[in-house]
Structures are given as structure tokens and as C-alpha cells.
Amino acid sequence: MHQRKLGPFDVSAIGLGCMNIAQGYGPANDDDSIRLLAAALEQGYTHLDTASMYGMGHSEGLIGRTLKARRNDYVLASKCGIARDADGKRVVNGHPDVIRSTCEESLSRLQTDVIDLYYLHRVDPKVPVEESIGAFKDLVDAGKIRTVGISECSVDSLRRAHAVHPISAVQSEYSLWTRTPERGILDACRELGVTFVAFAPLARAFLTGKAQDNSHLDENDIRCTNARPRFEPENFAKNVRLLEPYAKVAERVGCSMAQLALAWVLARGEHVVAIPGTKHMDFMIENAGAADIRLDAAVVEELDALIDDTKVVGTRYTAALMKATDSERD
């Protein structure tokens, strides 16, 4: 698979997001996930992205049990800073002590001595980002992690964090229908030599064309909750209309709709990689095929005009979540 830089590492331009094998999009089968992880390495994936909160450690545990013997065959990324409280409520906590203790727990589940890229999953508004990143610097010095990243941060937070310790990667949601990073963080990453890692590059399967009817989704699917207004029935019915002309572009280019979406993300710059998540073997293989697709400037411009934030009905999160997300401050 085509390679790009992830901080100091050479990785597959398409990495594997590992949330789906533990939570988010309905139930996952562990046996299927184990087969998927092993097959992904054979397919050329060399970048696996997980987090302590994915299934409350279940994703990390699956990776550790499945790929311990092949630890040198991939770059391992994980995250800390989001958890569930006693009532099951999602909480952000960037306190240095929590960062250090979560890292130890993740190392144990992942069955490794070091995490290659460790992210602050979200910037905690109650803790200065300098303090949070200071804990990551301590983990680097202790040999627990190799490099540092931040997820869903603003340009200001990135610059402040980078002043404490070099940031290797910024991870944020980015796709044709979520253009937030274009407000500044993409350019800031290029300026600072930071890799930009696009999560949900398939717009949570919307851009694959395989989810044009969301009435069948499992009640535990995050697209069924009111946290994602674009998938509410009335909004979704309007958004689906965007897919007909989009599908025609994919047919003309000679690739699947999913591959077109991923190729568009990679076309945003050589400092960009994508980490689509899936629990399906066929989709994992299909996504890998996007790494070698090169879109010409005319197709990129056509796609830019076809789907963007102004043409999509609904925001990516609720107003409360948007307000609480650091990247939305740019």
C-alpha cells in the first residue's frame, strides 16, 4: 500500500480505525474482529488506531491478544482522556495523573512495552493543555510512548501543545461532508510538520452509498442517537440526495464510492492520512484499494463543489457537543 509519514514513522496511507470492532456501530463479533485484524496486516495496513475508551478497553485488548507476536509489523496509536463515569456518562479528563494511569492500563491491554503514537483524545477545558501534554512528555521520557498526538484540537491548542513537546499528529473528523479542519488546522499541521489523521473519512458510511436507509440500524449504533443530527430521519432523507451525482463521479473515475471518498481525503496533502474504521472484511479490503488512487485536480474540484458543509443538512454533533469540542473553536 502507498506509504506516507506519520510523525517519524512510515505507514500505509490508509490506516485501520479500531473503534468499530468494539463499539459504536452495533454489536461486533470478537472472532470476526480477530480475523479482521490479522487480515489487515496481510492487506498492507501498517497503522492501527485505537483508544482506551473504545469498548472501555476492549478494542485495545483485542489488538493485544491478536497481534502481540507481530508488534513490529505495524505502528500502534492509542488515545486517552475520555472515559465513562460511574453513571456511564462520557467525561473528558486531561489531568496528568489520569493520563499516566490510563497509559499503564493501555500498555497492559495492548501487551506491549511502548505505544508508538499516544493522543490526548480530547482537550480538557478544565486543564491547561500545557499540563496535559507535560504528562505525555513524561511518558516519552520514561519510554512508555514514542510520540505525542492530539485529537480534535484547535489551532491555538496545537501551537501551545507543540511548544511543550513536539506533536507528531493531529486527529480530527474530516470528509467531504465535514470540512472543519479546513478552517485552519490542516494548514497549521503543514506549517509545523505535523501529520493530519482523518477519522470518519467515509462520513460514518454515508459516502460509501451502503447506508442510504438508516431505519435498520441497531439501537446501539451511534448514528441512531440524537448526538448526530445529520442522521436524523428528516435530515438524512435530504442528505441522501447528494449521493446520486456523487455515485456518477465514482463510476467515471472507476472506483467505489468509498474509495472515492478516501482518495479525496488523501488528495488534500501529502501530510494527510486516513483511518476508516470497519468490522467487515470486505470493506477493509475495499478501503485499502483507495491508497493508490490519484485524483486529478478537476475531479477534486468537482467533488469540492458537490458535497460540503453548506450542502449537508444538520451539524455533525449536537449544539452542546459542538460547543464542547475544541476543534470547533477555529
C-alpha atoms as a PDB file:
ATOM      1  CA  MET A   1       0.000   0.000   0.000  1.00  0.00           C
ATOM      2  CA  HIS A   2       1.107   3.579  -0.691  1.00  0.00           C
ATOM      3  CA  GLN A   3       3.114   4.936   2.272  1.00  0.00           C
ATOM      4  CA  ARG A   4       3.077   8.305   3.987  1.00  0.00           C
ATOM      5  CA  LYS A   5       4.685   9.824   7.072  1.00  0.00           C
ATOM      6  CA  LEU A   6       3.005   9.636  10.462  1.00  0.00           C
ATOM      7  CA  GLY A   7       5.358  11.721  12.538  1.00  0.00           C
ATOM      8  CA  PRO A   8       8.682   9.844  12.255  1.00  0.00           C
ATOM      9  CA  PHE A   9       7.034   6.628  11.041  1.00  0.00           C
ATOM     10  CA  ASP A  10       6.327   5.372   7.518  1.00  0.00           C
ATOM     11  CA  VAL A  11       2.781   3.987   7.463  1.00  0.00           C
ATOM     12  CA  SER A  12       0.137   2.905   4.976  1.00  0.00           C
ATOM     13  CA  ALA A  13      -1.727   5.969   3.697  1.00  0.00           C
ATOM     14  CA  ILE A  14      -4.930   4.201   4.729  1.00  0.00           C
ATOM     15  CA  GLY A  15      -4.845   3.019   8.328  1.00  0.00           C
ATOM     16  CA  LEU A  16      -7.373   0.957  10.248  1.00  0.00           C
ATOM     17  CA  GLY A  17      -9.608   2.708  12.765  1.00  0.00           C
ATOM     18  CA  CYS A  18     -10.347   0.176  15.503  1.00  0.00           C
ATOM     19  CA  MET A  19     -13.396   1.608  17.264  1.00  0.00           C
ATOM     20  CA  ASN A  20     -15.891  -0.398  15.221  1.00  0.00           C
ATOM     21  CA  ILE A  21     -14.553  -3.745  16.444  1.00  0.00           C
ATOM     22  CA  ALA A  22     -15.582  -2.803  19.983  1.00  0.00           C
ATOM     23  CA  GLN A  23     -18.391  -0.238  19.917  1.00  0.00           C
ATOM     24  CA  GLY A  24     -20.277   2.431  18.020  1.00  0.00           C
ATOM     25  CA  TYR A  25     -21.918   0.703  15.081  1.00  0.00           C
ATOM     26  CA  GLY A  26     -23.910  -2.111  16.628  1.00  0.00           C
ATOM     27  CA  PRO A  27     -22.562  -5.368  18.073  1.00  0.00           C
ATOM     28  CA  ALA A  28     -19.253  -6.762  16.857  1.00  0.00           C
ATOM     29  CA  ASN A  29     -18.130 -10.379  16.955  1.00  0.00           C
ATOM     30  CA  ASP A  30     -14.736 -10.946  18.579  1.00  0.00           C
ATOM     31  CA  ASP A  31     -13.847 -13.890  16.341  1.00  0.00           C
ATOM     32  CA  ASP A  32     -14.589 -11.801  13.254  1.00  0.00           C
ATOM     33  CA  SER A  33     -12.585  -8.892  14.683  1.00  0.00           C
ATOM     34  CA  ILE A  34      -9.586 -11.121  15.359  1.00  0.00           C
ATOM     35  CA  ARG A  35      -9.653 -12.354  11.777  1.00  0.00           C
ATOM     36  CA  LEU A  36     -10.043  -8.787  10.521  1.00  0.00           C
ATOM     37  CA  LEU A  37      -7.020  -7.513  12.444  1.00  0.00           C
ATOM     38  CA  ALA A  38      -4.765 -10.294  11.200  1.00  0.00           C
ATOM     39  CA  ALA A  39      -6.002  -9.897   7.624  1.00  0.00           C
ATOM     40  CA  ALA A  40      -5.466  -6.130   7.711  1.00  0.00           C
ATOM     41  CA  LEU A  41      -1.727  -6.609   8.178  1.00  0.00           C
ATOM     42  CA  GLU A  42      -1.651  -9.052   5.255  1.00  0.00           C
ATOM     43  CA  GLN A  43      -3.544  -6.462   3.184  1.00  0.00           C
ATOM     44  CA  GLY A  44      -0.821  -3.887   3.798  1.00  0.00           C
ATOM     45  CA  TYR A  45      -2.206  -1.870   6.711  1.00  0.00           C
ATOM     46  CA  THR A  46       0.668  -0.738   8.932  1.00  0.00           C
ATOM     47  CA  HIS A  47      -1.187   1.842  11.049  1.00  0.00           C
ATOM     48  CA  LEU A  48      -3.724   0.714  13.658  1.00  0.00           C
ATOM     49  CA  ASP A  49      -5.597   3.348  15.651  1.00  0.00           C
ATOM     50  CA  THR A  50      -7.439   2.563  18.885  1.00  0.00           C
ATOM     51  CA  ALA A  51      -8.259   4.233  22.228  1.00  0.00           C
ATOM     52  CA  SER A  52      -8.764   3.345  25.855  1.00  0.00           C
ATOM     53  CA  MET A  53     -12.447   4.278  25.619  1.00  0.00           C
ATOM     54  CA  TYR A  54     -13.263   2.027  22.643  1.00  0.00           C
ATOM     55  CA  GLY A  55     -15.365  -0.598  24.341  1.00  0.00           C
ATOM     56  CA  MET A  56     -13.764   0.573  27.599  1.00  0.00           C
ATOM     57  CA  GLY A  57     -10.507  -1.152  26.685  1.00  0.00           C
ATOM     58  CA  HIS A  58     -11.997  -3.966  24.607  1.00  0.00           C
ATOM     59  CA  SER A  59     -10.513  -2.750  21.316  1.00  0.00           C
ATOM     60  CA  GLU A  60      -7.048  -2.474  22.867  1.00  0.00           C
ATOM     61  CA  GLY A  61      -7.426  -5.931  24.371  1.00  0.00           C
ATOM     62  CA  LEU A  62      -8.332  -7.478  21.023  1.00  0.00           C
ATOM     63  CA  ILE A  63      -5.288  -5.891  19.369  1.00  0.00           C
ATOM     64  CA  GLY A  64      -3.015  -7.065  22.179  1.00  0.00           C
ATOM     65  CA  ARG A  65      -4.234 -10.647  22.114  1.00  0.00           C
ATOM     66  CA  THR A  66      -4.314 -10.909  18.324  1.00  0.00           C
ATOM     67  CA  LEU A  67      -1.176  -9.100  17.230  1.00  0.00           C
ATOM     68  CA  LYS A  68       1.274  -9.415  20.124  1.00  0.00           C
ATOM     69  CA  ALA A  69       3.558 -11.655  18.086  1.00  0.00           C
ATOM     70  CA  ARG A  70       3.513  -9.175  15.183  1.00  0.00           C
ATOM     71  CA  ARG A  71       4.115  -5.998  17.179  1.00  0.00           C
ATOM     72  CA  ASN A  72       6.942  -4.875  14.884  1.00  0.00           C
ATOM     73  CA  ASP A  73       4.739  -5.107  11.792  1.00  0.00           C
ATOM     74  CA  TYR A  74       2.615  -2.026  12.469  1.00  0.00           C
ATOM     75  CA  VAL A  75       2.590   1.415  14.052  1.00  0.00           C
ATOM     76  CA  LEU A  76       0.319   1.422  17.090  1.00  0.00           C
ATOM     77  CA  ALA A  77      -1.693   4.508  18.015  1.00  0.00           C
ATOM     78  CA  SER A  78      -3.958   4.844  21.035  1.00  0.00           C
ATOM     79  CA  LYS A  79      -5.618   7.647  22.985  1.00  0.00           C
ATOM     80  CA  CYS A  80      -6.519   8.685  26.498  1.00  0.00           C
ATOM     81  CA  GLY A  81      -8.555  11.473  28.035  1.00  0.00           C
ATOM     82  CA  ILE A  82     -12.133  10.261  27.522  1.00  0.00           C
ATOM     83  CA  ALA A  83     -13.809   7.791  29.872  1.00  0.00           C
ATOM     84  CA  ARG A  84     -17.149   6.848  31.399  1.00  0.00           C
ATOM     85  CA  ASP A  85     -18.071   7.903  34.918  1.00  0.00           C
ATOM     86  CA  ALA A  86     -19.905   5.721  37.453  1.00  0.00           C
ATOM     87  CA  ASP A  87     -23.205   6.537  35.765  1.00  0.00           C
ATOM     88  CA  GLY A  88     -21.915   5.647  32.316  1.00  0.00           C
ATOM     89  CA  LYS A  89     -21.725   9.282  31.248  1.00  0.00           C
ATOM     90  CA  ARG A  90     -18.942  10.275  28.845  1.00  0.00           C
ATOM     91  CA  VAL A  91     -16.414  12.551  30.555  1.00  0.00           C
ATOM     92  CA  VAL A  92     -13.266  14.309  29.356  1.00  0.00           C
ATOM     93  CA  ASN A  93     -10.340  14.229  31.773  1.00  0.00           C
ATOM     94  CA  GLY A  94      -6.909  15.525  30.788  1.00  0.00           C
ATOM     95  CA  HIS A  95      -5.396  15.551  34.276  1.00  0.00           C
ATOM     96  CA  PRO A  96      -1.750  14.393  34.217  1.00  0.00           C
ATOM     97  CA  ASP A  97      -2.327  11.656  36.801  1.00  0.00           C
ATOM     98  CA  VAL A  98      -5.208  10.245  34.733  1.00  0.00           C
ATOM     99  CA  ILE A  99      -3.095  10.332  31.567  1.00  0.00           C
ATOM    100  CA  ARG A 100      -0.264   8.421  33.221  1.00  0.00           C
ATOM    101  CA  SER A 101      -2.509   5.802  34.836  1.00  0.00           C
ATOM    102  CA  THR A 102      -4.533   5.272  31.647  1.00  0.00           C
ATOM    103  CA  CYS A 103      -1.334   4.738  29.689  1.00  0.00           C
ATOM    104  CA  GLU A 104      -0.244   1.974  32.075  1.00  0.00           C
ATOM    105  CA  GLU A 105      -3.631   0.269  31.690  1.00  0.00           C
ATOM    106  CA  SER A 106      -3.448   0.539  27.898  1.00  0.00           C
ATOM    107  CA  LEU A 107       0.064  -0.901  27.774  1.00  0.00           C
ATOM    108  CA  SER A 108      -1.160  -3.893  29.737  1.00  0.00           C
ATOM    109  CA  ARG A 109      -4.170  -4.493  27.475  1.00  0.00           C
ATOM    110  CA  LEU A 110      -2.116  -3.974  24.313  1.00  0.00           C
ATOM    111  CA  GLN A 111       0.546  -6.380  25.634  1.00  0.00           C
ATOM    112  CA  THR A 112       3.374  -4.082  24.609  1.00  0.00           C
ATOM    113  CA  ASP A 113       6.131  -2.092  26.292  1.00  0.00           C
ATOM    114  CA  VAL A 114       5.586   1.068  24.276  1.00  0.00           C
ATOM    115  CA  ILE A 115       2.841   2.831  22.299  1.00  0.00           C
ATOM    116  CA  ASP A 116       4.156   4.419  19.097  1.00  0.00           C
ATOM    117  CA  LEU A 117       1.722   7.351  18.978  1.00  0.00           C
ATOM    118  CA  TYR A 118      -0.311   8.377  22.014  1.00  0.00           C
ATOM    119  CA  TYR A 119      -3.036  11.015  21.677  1.00  0.00           C
ATOM    120  CA  LEU A 120      -4.832  13.293  24.058  1.00  0.00           C
ATOM    121  CA  HIS A 121      -8.278  12.165  22.899  1.00  0.00           C
ATOM    122  CA  ARG A 122      -9.915  15.496  23.675  1.00  0.00           C
ATOM    123  CA  VAL A 123      -8.624  18.761  25.138  1.00  0.00           C
ATOM    124  CA  ASP A 124      -9.983  19.113  28.671  1.00  0.00           C
ATOM    125  CA  PRO A 125     -11.289  22.682  29.149  1.00  0.00           C
ATOM    126  CA  LYS A 126     -10.631  22.352  32.896  1.00  0.00           C
ATOM    127  CA  VAL A 127      -6.926  21.503  32.460  1.00  0.00           C
ATOM    128  CA  PRO A 128      -4.462  23.720  30.557  1.00  0.00           C
ATOM    129  CA  VAL A 129      -3.304  21.817  27.512  1.00  0.00           C
ATOM    130  CA  GLU A 130       0.279  22.506  28.572  1.00  0.00           C
ATOM    131  CA  GLU A 131      -0.268  20.435  31.726  1.00  0.00           C
ATOM    132  CA  SER A 132      -1.805  17.549  29.822  1.00  0.00           C
ATOM    133  CA  ILE A 133       0.979  17.487  27.241  1.00  0.00           C
ATOM    134  CA  GLY A 134       3.530  17.749  30.047  1.00  0.00           C
ATOM    135  CA  ALA A 135       2.332  14.335  31.204  1.00  0.00           C
ATOM    136  CA  PHE A 136       2.802  12.983  27.686  1.00  0.00           C
ATOM    137  CA  LYS A 137       6.364  14.374  27.698  1.00  0.00           C
ATOM    138  CA  ASP A 138       6.989  12.464  30.911  1.00  0.00           C
ATOM    139  CA  LEU A 139       5.708   9.278  29.247  1.00  0.00           C
ATOM    140  CA  VAL A 140       8.081   9.824  26.313  1.00  0.00           C
ATOM    141  CA  ASP A 141      10.985  10.360  28.716  1.00  0.00           C
ATOM    142  CA  ALA A 142      10.030   7.165  30.563  1.00  0.00           C
ATOM    143  CA  GLY A 143       9.975   5.163  27.314  1.00  0.00           C
ATOM    144  CA  LYS A 144       6.264   4.364  27.625  1.00  0.00           C
ATOM    145  CA  ILE A 145       5.318   6.141  24.393  1.00  0.00           C
ATOM    146  CA  ARG A 146       7.332   7.226  21.372  1.00  0.00           C
ATOM    147  CA  THR A 147       5.421  10.225  20.019  1.00  0.00           C
ATOM    148  CA  VAL A 148       2.564  12.533  21.004  1.00  0.00           C
ATOM    149  CA  GLY A 149      -0.670  13.481  19.266  1.00  0.00           C
ATOM    150  CA  ILE A 150      -3.884  15.421  19.950  1.00  0.00           C
ATOM    151  CA  SER A 151      -7.377  14.658  18.702  1.00  0.00           C
ATOM    152  CA  GLU A 152      -9.971  17.309  17.763  1.00  0.00           C
ATOM    153  CA  CYS A 153      -7.875  20.294  18.836  1.00  0.00           C
ATOM    154  CA  SER A 154      -7.957  23.923  17.750  1.00  0.00           C
ATOM    155  CA  VAL A 155      -5.008  25.666  16.114  1.00  0.00           C
ATOM    156  CA  ASP A 156      -4.325  27.541  19.352  1.00  0.00           C
ATOM    157  CA  SER A 157      -4.246  24.319  21.378  1.00  0.00           C
ATOM    158  CA  LEU A 158      -1.951  22.698  18.829  1.00  0.00           C
ATOM    159  CA  ARG A 159       0.530  25.567  18.968  1.00  0.00           C
ATOM    160  CA  ARG A 160       0.513  25.627  22.777  1.00  0.00           C
ATOM    161  CA  ALA A 161       0.948  21.864  22.958  1.00  0.00           C
ATOM    162  CA  HIS A 162       3.704  21.875  20.342  1.00  0.00           C
ATOM    163  CA  ALA A 163       5.640  24.388  22.453  1.00  0.00           C
ATOM    164  CA  VAL A 164       5.717  21.883  25.337  1.00  0.00           C
ATOM    165  CA  HIS A 165       6.616  18.809  23.276  1.00  0.00           C
ATOM    166  CA  PRO A 166       6.698  18.224  19.508  1.00  0.00           C
ATOM    167  CA  ILE A 167       3.327  16.996  18.293  1.00  0.00           C
ATOM    168  CA  SER A 168       3.575  14.270  15.653  1.00  0.00           C
ATOM    169  CA  ALA A 169      -0.093  14.019  14.663  1.00  0.00           C
ATOM    170  CA  VAL A 170      -3.443  15.760  14.943  1.00  0.00           C
ATOM    171  CA  GLN A 171      -6.528  13.606  14.511  1.00  0.00           C
ATOM    172  CA  SER A 172      -9.900  15.092  13.617  1.00  0.00           C
ATOM    173  CA  GLU A 173     -13.050  14.178  11.746  1.00  0.00           C
ATOM    174  CA  TYR A 174     -12.611  15.061   8.084  1.00  0.00           C
ATOM    175  CA  SER A 175     -14.515  14.098   4.967  1.00  0.00           C
ATOM    176  CA  LEU A 176     -16.380  15.698   2.095  1.00  0.00           C
ATOM    177  CA  TRP A 177     -19.253  16.498   4.444  1.00  0.00           C
ATOM    178  CA  THR A 178     -17.168  17.567   7.469  1.00  0.00           C
ATOM    179  CA  ARG A 179     -14.798  20.388   6.495  1.00  0.00           C
ATOM    180  CA  THR A 180     -13.918  21.754   9.949  1.00  0.00           C
ATOM    181  CA  PRO A 181     -10.151  21.123   9.519  1.00  0.00           C
ATOM    182  CA  GLU A 182     -10.096  23.447   6.509  1.00  0.00           C
ATOM    183  CA  ARG A 183     -10.662  26.406   8.835  1.00  0.00           C
ATOM    184  CA  GLY A 184      -7.025  26.324   9.912  1.00  0.00           C
ATOM    185  CA  ILE A 185      -5.781  23.074  11.438  1.00  0.00           C
ATOM    186  CA  LEU A 186      -4.812  21.498   8.090  1.00  0.00           C
ATOM    187  CA  ASP A 187      -2.592  24.462   7.259  1.00  0.00           C
ATOM    188  CA  ALA A 188      -1.181  24.620  10.789  1.00  0.00           C
ATOM    189  CA  CYS A 189      -0.226  20.955  10.600  1.00  0.00           C
ATOM    190  CA  ARG A 190       1.531  21.528   7.285  1.00  0.00           C
ATOM    191  CA  GLU A 191       3.388  24.521   8.712  1.00  0.00           C
ATOM    192  CA  LEU A 192       4.553  22.666  11.838  1.00  0.00           C
ATOM    193  CA  GLY A 193       5.401  19.395  10.118  1.00  0.00           C
ATOM    194  CA  VAL A 194       2.554  17.555  11.855  1.00  0.00           C
ATOM    195  CA  THR A 195       0.675  14.690  10.196  1.00  0.00           C
ATOM    196  CA  PHE A 196      -3.072  15.179   9.926  1.00  0.00           C
ATOM    197  CA  VAL A 197      -5.035  11.981  10.584  1.00  0.00           C
ATOM    198  CA  ALA A 198      -8.608  11.982   9.252  1.00  0.00           C
ATOM    199  CA  PHE A 199     -11.092   9.902  11.204  1.00  0.00           C
ATOM    200  CA  ALA A 200     -14.603   9.137   9.896  1.00  0.00           C
ATOM    201  CA  PRO A 201     -13.365   9.886   6.341  1.00  0.00           C
ATOM    202  CA  LEU A 202     -16.335   7.945   4.961  1.00  0.00           C
ATOM    203  CA  ALA A 203     -18.796  10.174   6.829  1.00  0.00           C
ATOM    204  CA  ARG A 204     -19.790   7.252   9.074  1.00  0.00           C
ATOM    205  CA  ALA A 205     -20.527   5.115   5.985  1.00  0.00           C
ATOM    206  CA  PHE A 206     -22.717   7.791   4.355  1.00  0.00           C
ATOM    207  CA  LEU A 207     -20.246   8.291   1.491  1.00  0.00           C
ATOM    208  CA  THR A 208     -19.995   4.566   0.791  1.00  0.00           C
ATOM    209  CA  GLY A 209     -23.535   4.529  -0.582  1.00  0.00           C
ATOM    210  CA  LYS A 210     -24.214   1.425   1.502  1.00  0.00           C
ATOM    211  CA  ALA A 211     -26.256   3.226   4.155  1.00  0.00           C
ATOM    212  CA  GLN A 212     -28.968   5.030   2.221  1.00  0.00           C
ATOM    213  CA  ASP A 213     -31.634   3.724   4.599  1.00  0.00           C
ATOM    214  CA  ASN A 214     -30.829   4.140   8.286  1.00  0.00           C
ATOM    215  CA  SER A 215     -34.102   2.665   9.558  1.00  0.00           C
ATOM    216  CA  HIS A 216     -32.486  -0.764  10.000  1.00  0.00           C
ATOM    217  CA  LEU A 217     -29.614   0.404  12.228  1.00  0.00           C
ATOM    218  CA  ASP A 218     -29.098  -1.217  15.624  1.00  0.00           C
ATOM    219  CA  GLU A 219     -30.330   0.867  18.569  1.00  0.00           C
ATOM    220  CA  ASN A 220     -26.761   0.991  19.887  1.00  0.00           C
ATOM    221  CA  ASP A 221     -25.462   2.469  16.642  1.00  0.00           C
ATOM    222  CA  ILE A 222     -24.136   5.979  17.285  1.00  0.00           C
ATOM    223  CA  ARG A 223     -25.873   7.178  14.120  1.00  0.00           C
ATOM    224  CA  CYS A 224     -29.233   6.445  15.743  1.00  0.00           C
ATOM    225  CA  THR A 225     -28.687   8.778  18.666  1.00  0.00           C
ATOM    226  CA  ASN A 226     -29.595  12.445  18.588  1.00  0.00           C
ATOM    227  CA  ALA A 227     -25.901  13.276  19.001  1.00  0.00           C
ATOM    228  CA  ARG A 228     -25.517  13.210  15.206  1.00  0.00           C
ATOM    229  CA  PRO A 229     -28.218  15.390  13.630  1.00  0.00           C
ATOM    230  CA  ARG A 230     -27.258  14.554  10.035  1.00  0.00           C
ATOM    231  CA  PHE A 231     -28.623  11.047  10.561  1.00  0.00           C
ATOM    232  CA  GLU A 232     -31.971  12.117  11.977  1.00  0.00           C
ATOM    233  CA  PRO A 233     -34.630  10.787   9.558  1.00  0.00           C
ATOM    234  CA  GLU A 234     -35.747  14.093   8.042  1.00  0.00           C
ATOM    235  CA  ASN A 235     -32.194  15.386   7.610  1.00  0.00           C
ATOM    236  CA  PHE A 236     -30.898  12.066   6.351  1.00  0.00           C
ATOM    237  CA  ALA A 237     -33.579  11.827   3.667  1.00  0.00           C
ATOM    238  CA  LYS A 238     -32.385  15.165   2.277  1.00  0.00           C
ATOM    239  CA  ASN A 239     -28.697  14.310   2.539  1.00  0.00           C
ATOM    240  CA  VAL A 240     -29.098  11.060   0.621  1.00  0.00           C
ATOM    241  CA  ARG A 241     -29.973  13.099  -2.475  1.00  0.00           C
ATOM    242  CA  LEU A 242     -26.319  14.166  -2.637  1.00  0.00           C
ATOM    243  CA  LEU A 243     -25.251  10.601  -3.342  1.00  0.00           C
ATOM    244  CA  GLU A 244     -26.712  10.251  -6.838  1.00  0.00           C
ATOM    245  CA  PRO A 245     -24.363  12.713  -8.569  1.00  0.00           C
ATOM    246  CA  TYR A 246     -21.537  11.584  -6.284  1.00  0.00           C
ATOM    247  CA  ALA A 247     -22.012   7.962  -7.395  1.00  0.00           C
ATOM    248  CA  LYS A 248     -21.723   9.067 -11.028  1.00  0.00           C
ATOM    249  CA  VAL A 249     -18.304  10.611 -10.322  1.00  0.00           C
ATOM    250  CA  ALA A 250     -17.123   7.355  -8.729  1.00  0.00           C
ATOM    251  CA  GLU A 251     -18.334   5.402 -11.760  1.00  0.00           C
ATOM    252  CA  ARG A 252     -16.494   7.752 -14.089  1.00  0.00           C
ATOM    253  CA  VAL A 253     -13.275   7.530 -12.062  1.00  0.00           C
ATOM    254  CA  GLY A 254     -13.592   3.751 -11.976  1.00  0.00           C
ATOM    255  CA  CYS A 255     -13.693   3.133  -8.239  1.00  0.00           C
ATOM    256  CA  SER A 256     -16.214   2.527  -5.485  1.00  0.00           C
ATOM    257  CA  MET A 257     -17.900   5.391  -3.674  1.00  0.00           C
ATOM    258  CA  ALA A 258     -15.932   4.569  -0.532  1.00  0.00           C
ATOM    259  CA  GLN A 259     -12.646   4.606  -2.416  1.00  0.00           C
ATOM    260  CA  LEU A 260     -13.513   7.955  -3.982  1.00  0.00           C
ATOM    261  CA  ALA A 261     -14.144   9.490  -0.558  1.00  0.00           C
ATOM    262  CA  LEU A 262     -10.828   8.209   0.779  1.00  0.00           C
ATOM    263  CA  ALA A 263      -8.913   9.299  -2.318  1.00  0.00           C
ATOM    264  CA  TRP A 264     -10.365  12.794  -1.899  1.00  0.00           C
ATOM    265  CA  VAL A 265      -9.065  12.949   1.679  1.00  0.00           C
ATOM    266  CA  LEU A 266      -5.583  11.826   0.623  1.00  0.00           C
ATOM    267  CA  ALA A 267      -5.604  14.457  -2.137  1.00  0.00           C
ATOM    268  CA  ARG A 268      -5.712  17.235   0.478  1.00  0.00           C
ATOM    269  CA  GLY A 269      -1.963  16.962   1.025  1.00  0.00           C
ATOM    270  CA  GLU A 270       0.937  14.584   1.482  1.00  0.00           C
ATOM    271  CA  HIS A 271       0.780  15.248   5.225  1.00  0.00           C
ATOM    272  CA  VAL A 272      -2.684  13.662   5.401  1.00  0.00           C
ATOM    273  CA  VAL A 273      -3.542  10.025   6.173  1.00  0.00           C
ATOM    274  CA  ALA A 274      -6.958   8.449   6.704  1.00  0.00           C
ATOM    275  CA  ILE A 275      -8.186   5.850   9.203  1.00  0.00           C
ATOM    276  CA  PRO A 276     -11.561   4.486   8.121  1.00  0.00           C
ATOM    277  CA  GLY A 277     -12.991   2.084  10.654  1.00  0.00           C
ATOM    278  CA  THR A 278     -14.846  -1.115   9.868  1.00  0.00           C
ATOM    279  CA  LYS A 279     -15.663  -4.525  11.314  1.00  0.00           C
ATOM    280  CA  HIS A 280     -16.301  -6.060   7.871  1.00  0.00           C
ATOM    281  CA  MET A 281     -13.559  -7.910   5.985  1.00  0.00           C
ATOM    282  CA  ASP A 282     -14.814  -6.885   2.535  1.00  0.00           C
ATOM    283  CA  PHE A 283     -14.949  -3.202   3.473  1.00  0.00           C
ATOM    284  CA  MET A 284     -11.436  -3.329   4.954  1.00  0.00           C
ATOM    285  CA  ILE A 285     -10.092  -4.726   1.689  1.00  0.00           C
ATOM    286  CA  GLU A 286     -12.093  -2.231  -0.381  1.00  0.00           C
ATOM    287  CA  ASN A 287     -10.796   0.714   1.653  1.00  0.00           C
ATOM    288  CA  ALA A 288      -7.187  -0.376   1.170  1.00  0.00           C
ATOM    289  CA  GLY A 289      -7.627  -0.034  -2.568  1.00  0.00           C
ATOM    290  CA  ALA A 290      -8.095   3.728  -2.233  1.00  0.00           C
ATOM    291  CA  ALA A 291      -4.469   4.310  -1.238  1.00  0.00           C
ATOM    292  CA  ASP A 292      -3.225   4.037  -4.802  1.00  0.00           C
ATOM    293  CA  ILE A 293      -5.960   6.104  -6.467  1.00  0.00           C
ATOM    294  CA  ARG A 294      -4.780   9.502  -7.697  1.00  0.00           C
ATOM    295  CA  LEU A 295      -7.490  12.060  -8.410  1.00  0.00           C
ATOM    296  CA  ASP A 296      -6.722  14.829 -10.856  1.00  0.00           C
ATOM    297  CA  ALA A 297      -7.352  18.430  -9.861  1.00  0.00           C
ATOM    298  CA  ALA A 298     -10.549  18.658 -11.913  1.00  0.00           C
ATOM    299  CA  VAL A 299     -12.158  15.725 -10.068  1.00  0.00           C
ATOM    300  CA  VAL A 300     -11.127  17.139  -6.684  1.00  0.00           C
ATOM    301  CA  GLU A 301     -12.690  20.484  -7.574  1.00  0.00           C
ATOM    302  CA  GLU A 302     -15.844  18.744  -8.794  1.00  0.00           C
ATOM    303  CA  LEU A 303     -16.176  16.864  -5.517  1.00  0.00           C
ATOM    304  CA  ASP A 304     -15.475  20.011  -3.505  1.00  0.00           C
ATOM    305  CA  ALA A 305     -18.392  21.691  -5.216  1.00  0.00           C
ATOM    306  CA  LEU A 306     -20.680  18.677  -4.945  1.00  0.00           C
ATOM    307  CA  ILE A 307     -20.621  17.978  -1.189  1.00  0.00           C
ATOM    308  CA  ASP A 308     -19.559  20.238   1.663  1.00  0.00           C
ATOM    309  CA  ASP A 309     -20.851  21.634   4.978  1.00  0.00           C
ATOM    310  CA  THR A 310     -23.120  24.125   3.234  1.00  0.00           C
ATOM    311  CA  LYS A 311     -24.961  21.438   1.265  1.00  0.00           C
ATOM    312  CA  VAL A 312     -25.420  18.952   4.112  1.00  0.00           C
ATOM    313  CA  VAL A 313     -28.467  19.261   6.359  1.00  0.00           C
ATOM    314  CA  GLY A 314     -27.608  19.120  10.054  1.00  0.00           C
ATOM    315  CA  THR A 315     -24.410  19.638  12.034  1.00  0.00           C
ATOM    316  CA  ARG A 316     -22.030  16.782  12.775  1.00  0.00           C
ATOM    317  CA  TYR A 317     -22.778  16.937  16.518  1.00  0.00           C
ATOM    318  CA  THR A 318     -25.482  18.496  18.666  1.00  0.00           C
ATOM    319  CA  ALA A 319     -25.034  22.149  19.652  1.00  0.00           C
ATOM    320  CA  ALA A 320     -23.818  21.132  23.126  1.00  0.00           C
ATOM    321  CA  LEU A 321     -21.201  18.752  21.743  1.00  0.00           C
ATOM    322  CA  MET A 322     -20.112  21.242  19.114  1.00  0.00           C
ATOM    323  CA  LYS A 323     -19.595  23.860  21.816  1.00  0.00           C
ATOM    324  CA  ALA A 324     -17.552  21.431  23.920  1.00  0.00           C
ATOM    325  CA  THR A 325     -15.288  20.312  21.048  1.00  0.00           C
ATOM    326  CA  ASP A 326     -12.022  22.238  20.936  1.00  0.00           C
ATOM    327  CA  SER A 327     -11.598  21.921  17.157  1.00  0.00           C
ATOM    328  CA  GLU A 328     -14.859  23.766  16.587  1.00  0.00           C
ATOM    329  CA  ARG A 329     -13.324  26.912  18.079  1.00  0.00           C
ATOM    330  CA  ASP A 330     -11.296  27.611  14.927  1.00  0.00           C
END
